[in-house]
Amino acid sequence: MLRARIASAVALLAAWVVSAGCSGSDDGHDIEVQFEGSGVAEVRIENDEGQVVFAKGDSTATMQGQFAADSFVEITVIPDPGTRFVGFGGSCTGGSNPLQFELNSPRSCTILLTQD
């Protein structure tokens, strides 16, 4: 029963789309983050202007946020116990966590996870 409740909560979180920042503004760029692999992690996206978006999800989750154009962005992945962060893919390549970059165009990032 507890396992079913946890699965239901994860499914609810996985369907959660988060928006923040300059929604609807021509001065912003979108960041879309998708999870790939197995495991669960929390993701925090923050820019140098103080805008923050975070969510927790698994391989079915997608999160979005719009941030000021040309701001510097940091994406931090915090894996749950038993989950290991492998790296970033898509238009956010690299293995360093947190990942930092200048948001000069829309980005579609993939977070690669695996279970220990």
C-alpha atoms as a PDB file:
ATOM      1  CA  MET A   1       0.000   0.000   0.000  1.00  0.00           C
ATOM      2  CA  LEU A   2       2.808   2.419   0.877  1.00  0.00           C
ATOM      3  CA  ARG A   3       4.565   1.561  -2.382  1.00  0.00           C
ATOM      4  CA  ALA A   4       1.384   2.397  -4.331  1.00  0.00           C
ATOM      5  CA  ARG A   5       1.109   5.757  -2.550  1.00  0.00           C
ATOM      6  CA  ILE A   6       4.744   6.560  -3.292  1.00  0.00           C
ATOM      7  CA  ALA A   7       4.270   5.619  -6.966  1.00  0.00           C
ATOM      8  CA  SER A   8       1.183   7.824  -7.098  1.00  0.00           C
ATOM      9  CA  ALA A   9       3.083  10.751  -5.566  1.00  0.00           C
ATOM     10  CA  VAL A  10       5.955  10.300  -8.016  1.00  0.00           C
ATOM     11  CA  ALA A  11       3.514  10.218 -10.927  1.00  0.00           C
ATOM     12  CA  LEU A  12       1.928  13.425  -9.693  1.00  0.00           C
ATOM     13  CA  LEU A  13       5.316  15.116  -9.391  1.00  0.00           C
ATOM     14  CA  ALA A  14       6.334  13.801 -12.801  1.00  0.00           C
ATOM     15  CA  ALA A  15       3.337  15.492 -14.375  1.00  0.00           C
ATOM     16  CA  TRP A  16       4.105  18.785 -12.654  1.00  0.00           C
ATOM     17  CA  VAL A  17       5.292  21.507 -15.005  1.00  0.00           C
ATOM     18  CA  VAL A  18       6.933  24.433 -13.275  1.00  0.00           C
ATOM     19  CA  SER A  19       7.015  27.936 -14.746  1.00  0.00           C
ATOM     20  CA  ALA A  20       8.772  30.925 -13.262  1.00  0.00           C
ATOM     21  CA  GLY A  21      10.512  34.115 -14.167  1.00  0.00           C
ATOM     22  CA  CYS A  22       9.577  36.285 -17.135  1.00  0.00           C
ATOM     23  CA  SER A  23       6.634  34.256 -18.341  1.00  0.00           C
ATOM     24  CA  GLY A  24       5.298  35.638 -21.610  1.00  0.00           C
ATOM     25  CA  SER A  25       8.107  38.157 -21.985  1.00  0.00           C
ATOM     26  CA  ASP A  26      10.110  38.726 -25.162  1.00  0.00           C
ATOM     27  CA  ASP A  27      13.138  39.316 -22.929  1.00  0.00           C
ATOM     28  CA  GLY A  28      13.408  35.719 -21.746  1.00  0.00           C
ATOM     29  CA  HIS A  29      14.486  32.273 -22.887  1.00  0.00           C
ATOM     30  CA  ASP A  30      12.925  28.947 -21.942  1.00  0.00           C
ATOM     31  CA  ILE A  31      14.789  26.132 -20.255  1.00  0.00           C
ATOM     32  CA  GLU A  32      13.180  22.710 -20.496  1.00  0.00           C
ATOM     33  CA  VAL A  33      14.611  19.909 -18.369  1.00  0.00           C
ATOM     34  CA  GLN A  34      13.827  16.232 -18.921  1.00  0.00           C
ATOM     35  CA  PHE A  35      15.009  13.238 -16.940  1.00  0.00           C
ATOM     36  CA  GLU A  36      16.471  10.143 -18.584  1.00  0.00           C
ATOM     37  CA  GLY A  37      17.426   6.813 -17.039  1.00  0.00           C
ATOM     38  CA  SER A  38      16.253   5.476 -13.701  1.00  0.00           C
ATOM     39  CA  GLY A  39      16.048   7.026 -10.283  1.00  0.00           C
ATOM     40  CA  VAL A  40      14.620  10.183  -8.721  1.00  0.00           C
ATOM     41  CA  ALA A  41      16.265  13.562  -8.241  1.00  0.00           C
ATOM     42  CA  GLU A  42      15.502  17.140  -7.316  1.00  0.00           C
ATOM     43  CA  VAL A  43      16.522  19.811  -9.815  1.00  0.00           C
ATOM     44  CA  ARG A  44      17.117  23.455  -8.980  1.00  0.00           C
ATOM     45  CA  ILE A  45      17.551  26.099 -11.693  1.00  0.00           C
ATOM     46  CA  GLU A  46      18.695  29.532 -10.566  1.00  0.00           C
ATOM     47  CA  ASN A  47      19.954  32.593 -12.414  1.00  0.00           C
ATOM     48  CA  ASP A  48      22.084  35.518 -11.354  1.00  0.00           C
ATOM     49  CA  GLU A  49      18.990  37.708 -10.998  1.00  0.00           C
ATOM     50  CA  GLY A  50      17.534  35.563  -8.219  1.00  0.00           C
ATOM     51  CA  GLN A  51      14.932  33.650 -10.246  1.00  0.00           C
ATOM     52  CA  VAL A  52      14.596  30.060  -9.011  1.00  0.00           C
ATOM     53  CA  VAL A  53      12.661  27.036 -10.265  1.00  0.00           C
ATOM     54  CA  PHE A  54      12.840  23.604  -8.673  1.00  0.00           C
ATOM     55  CA  ALA A  55      11.040  20.317  -8.921  1.00  0.00           C
ATOM     56  CA  LYS A  56      11.514  16.675  -8.101  1.00  0.00           C
ATOM     57  CA  GLY A  57      10.914  13.940 -10.624  1.00  0.00           C
ATOM     58  CA  ASP A  58      11.882  10.712 -12.321  1.00  0.00           C
ATOM     59  CA  SER A  59      12.350   9.592 -15.928  1.00  0.00           C
ATOM     60  CA  THR A  60       8.830  10.710 -16.880  1.00  0.00           C
ATOM     61  CA  ALA A  61       9.178  14.256 -15.510  1.00  0.00           C
ATOM     62  CA  THR A  62       9.593  17.474 -17.479  1.00  0.00           C
ATOM     63  CA  MET A  63      10.051  20.908 -15.985  1.00  0.00           C
ATOM     64  CA  GLN A  64      10.149  24.310 -17.649  1.00  0.00           C
ATOM     65  CA  GLY A  65      11.098  27.805 -16.657  1.00  0.00           C
ATOM     66  CA  GLN A  66      11.646  31.072 -18.470  1.00  0.00           C
ATOM     67  CA  PHE A  67      14.567  33.201 -17.401  1.00  0.00           C
ATOM     68  CA  ALA A  68      15.901  36.599 -18.423  1.00  0.00           C
ATOM     69  CA  ALA A  69      17.868  36.478 -21.681  1.00  0.00           C
ATOM     70  CA  ASP A  70      21.648  36.604 -21.309  1.00  0.00           C
ATOM     71  CA  SER A  71      21.477  35.839 -17.581  1.00  0.00           C
ATOM     72  CA  PHE A  72      23.871  33.307 -16.098  1.00  0.00           C
ATOM     73  CA  VAL A  73      22.117  30.102 -15.056  1.00  0.00           C
ATOM     74  CA  GLU A  74      23.077  27.287 -12.711  1.00  0.00           C
ATOM     75  CA  ILE A  75      21.369  23.888 -12.778  1.00  0.00           C
ATOM     76  CA  THR A  76      21.916  21.726  -9.686  1.00  0.00           C
ATOM     77  CA  VAL A  77      20.858  18.063  -9.505  1.00  0.00           C
ATOM     78  CA  ILE A  78      20.337  16.513  -6.057  1.00  0.00           C
ATOM     79  CA  PRO A  79      19.814  12.750  -6.472  1.00  0.00           C
ATOM     80  CA  ASP A  80      17.709  10.809  -3.985  1.00  0.00           C
ATOM     81  CA  PRO A  81      19.434   8.053  -1.990  1.00  0.00           C
ATOM     82  CA  GLY A  82      20.066   5.114  -4.323  1.00  0.00           C
ATOM     83  CA  THR A  83      20.184   7.368  -7.407  1.00  0.00           C
ATOM     84  CA  ARG A  84      23.402   8.581  -9.031  1.00  0.00           C
ATOM     85  CA  PHE A  85      23.727  11.626 -11.300  1.00  0.00           C
ATOM     86  CA  VAL A  86      25.543  10.628 -14.518  1.00  0.00           C
ATOM     87  CA  GLY A  87      25.669  13.920 -16.426  1.00  0.00           C
ATOM     88  CA  PHE A  88      23.811  16.379 -18.611  1.00  0.00           C
ATOM     89  CA  GLY A  89      22.751  15.954 -22.230  1.00  0.00           C
ATOM     90  CA  GLY A  90      20.796  17.792 -24.898  1.00  0.00           C
ATOM     91  CA  SER A  91      21.787  21.430 -25.232  1.00  0.00           C
ATOM     92  CA  CYS A  92      23.277  21.358 -21.712  1.00  0.00           C
ATOM     93  CA  THR A  93      26.155  18.941 -22.167  1.00  0.00           C
ATOM     94  CA  GLY A  94      28.671  18.279 -19.470  1.00  0.00           C
ATOM     95  CA  GLY A  95      29.218  16.195 -16.400  1.00  0.00           C
ATOM     96  CA  SER A  96      29.802  18.878 -13.809  1.00  0.00           C
ATOM     97  CA  ASN A  97      27.132  19.384 -11.179  1.00  0.00           C
ATOM     98  CA  PRO A  98      26.139  22.152 -10.827  1.00  0.00           C
ATOM     99  CA  LEU A  99      26.249  23.139 -14.495  1.00  0.00           C
ATOM    100  CA  GLN A 100      26.659  26.844 -15.246  1.00  0.00           C
ATOM    101  CA  PHE A 101      26.128  28.676 -18.536  1.00  0.00           C
ATOM    102  CA  GLU A 102      24.927  31.910 -20.108  1.00  0.00           C
ATOM    103  CA  LEU A 103      21.326  31.682 -21.293  1.00  0.00           C
ATOM    104  CA  ASN A 104      21.701  33.264 -24.731  1.00  0.00           C
ATOM    105  CA  SER A 105      19.146  30.995 -26.433  1.00  0.00           C
ATOM    106  CA  PRO A 106      16.409  28.533 -25.404  1.00  0.00           C
ATOM    107  CA  ARG A 107      17.781  25.280 -23.958  1.00  0.00           C
ATOM    108  CA  SER A 108      16.464  21.750 -23.807  1.00  0.00           C
ATOM    109  CA  CYS A 109      18.466  19.874 -21.176  1.00  0.00           C
ATOM    110  CA  THR A 110      18.494  16.209 -20.284  1.00  0.00           C
ATOM    111  CA  ILE A 111      19.491  15.003 -16.827  1.00  0.00           C
ATOM    112  CA  LEU A 112      20.969  11.519 -16.922  1.00  0.00           C
ATOM    113  CA  LEU A 113      20.338   9.372 -13.835  1.00  0.00           C
ATOM    114  CA  THR A 114      20.999   5.791 -12.844  1.00  0.00           C
ATOM    115  CA  GLN A 115      20.207   3.729  -9.771  1.00  0.00           C
ATOM    116  CA  ASP A 116      23.080   2.500  -7.611  1.00  0.00           C
END
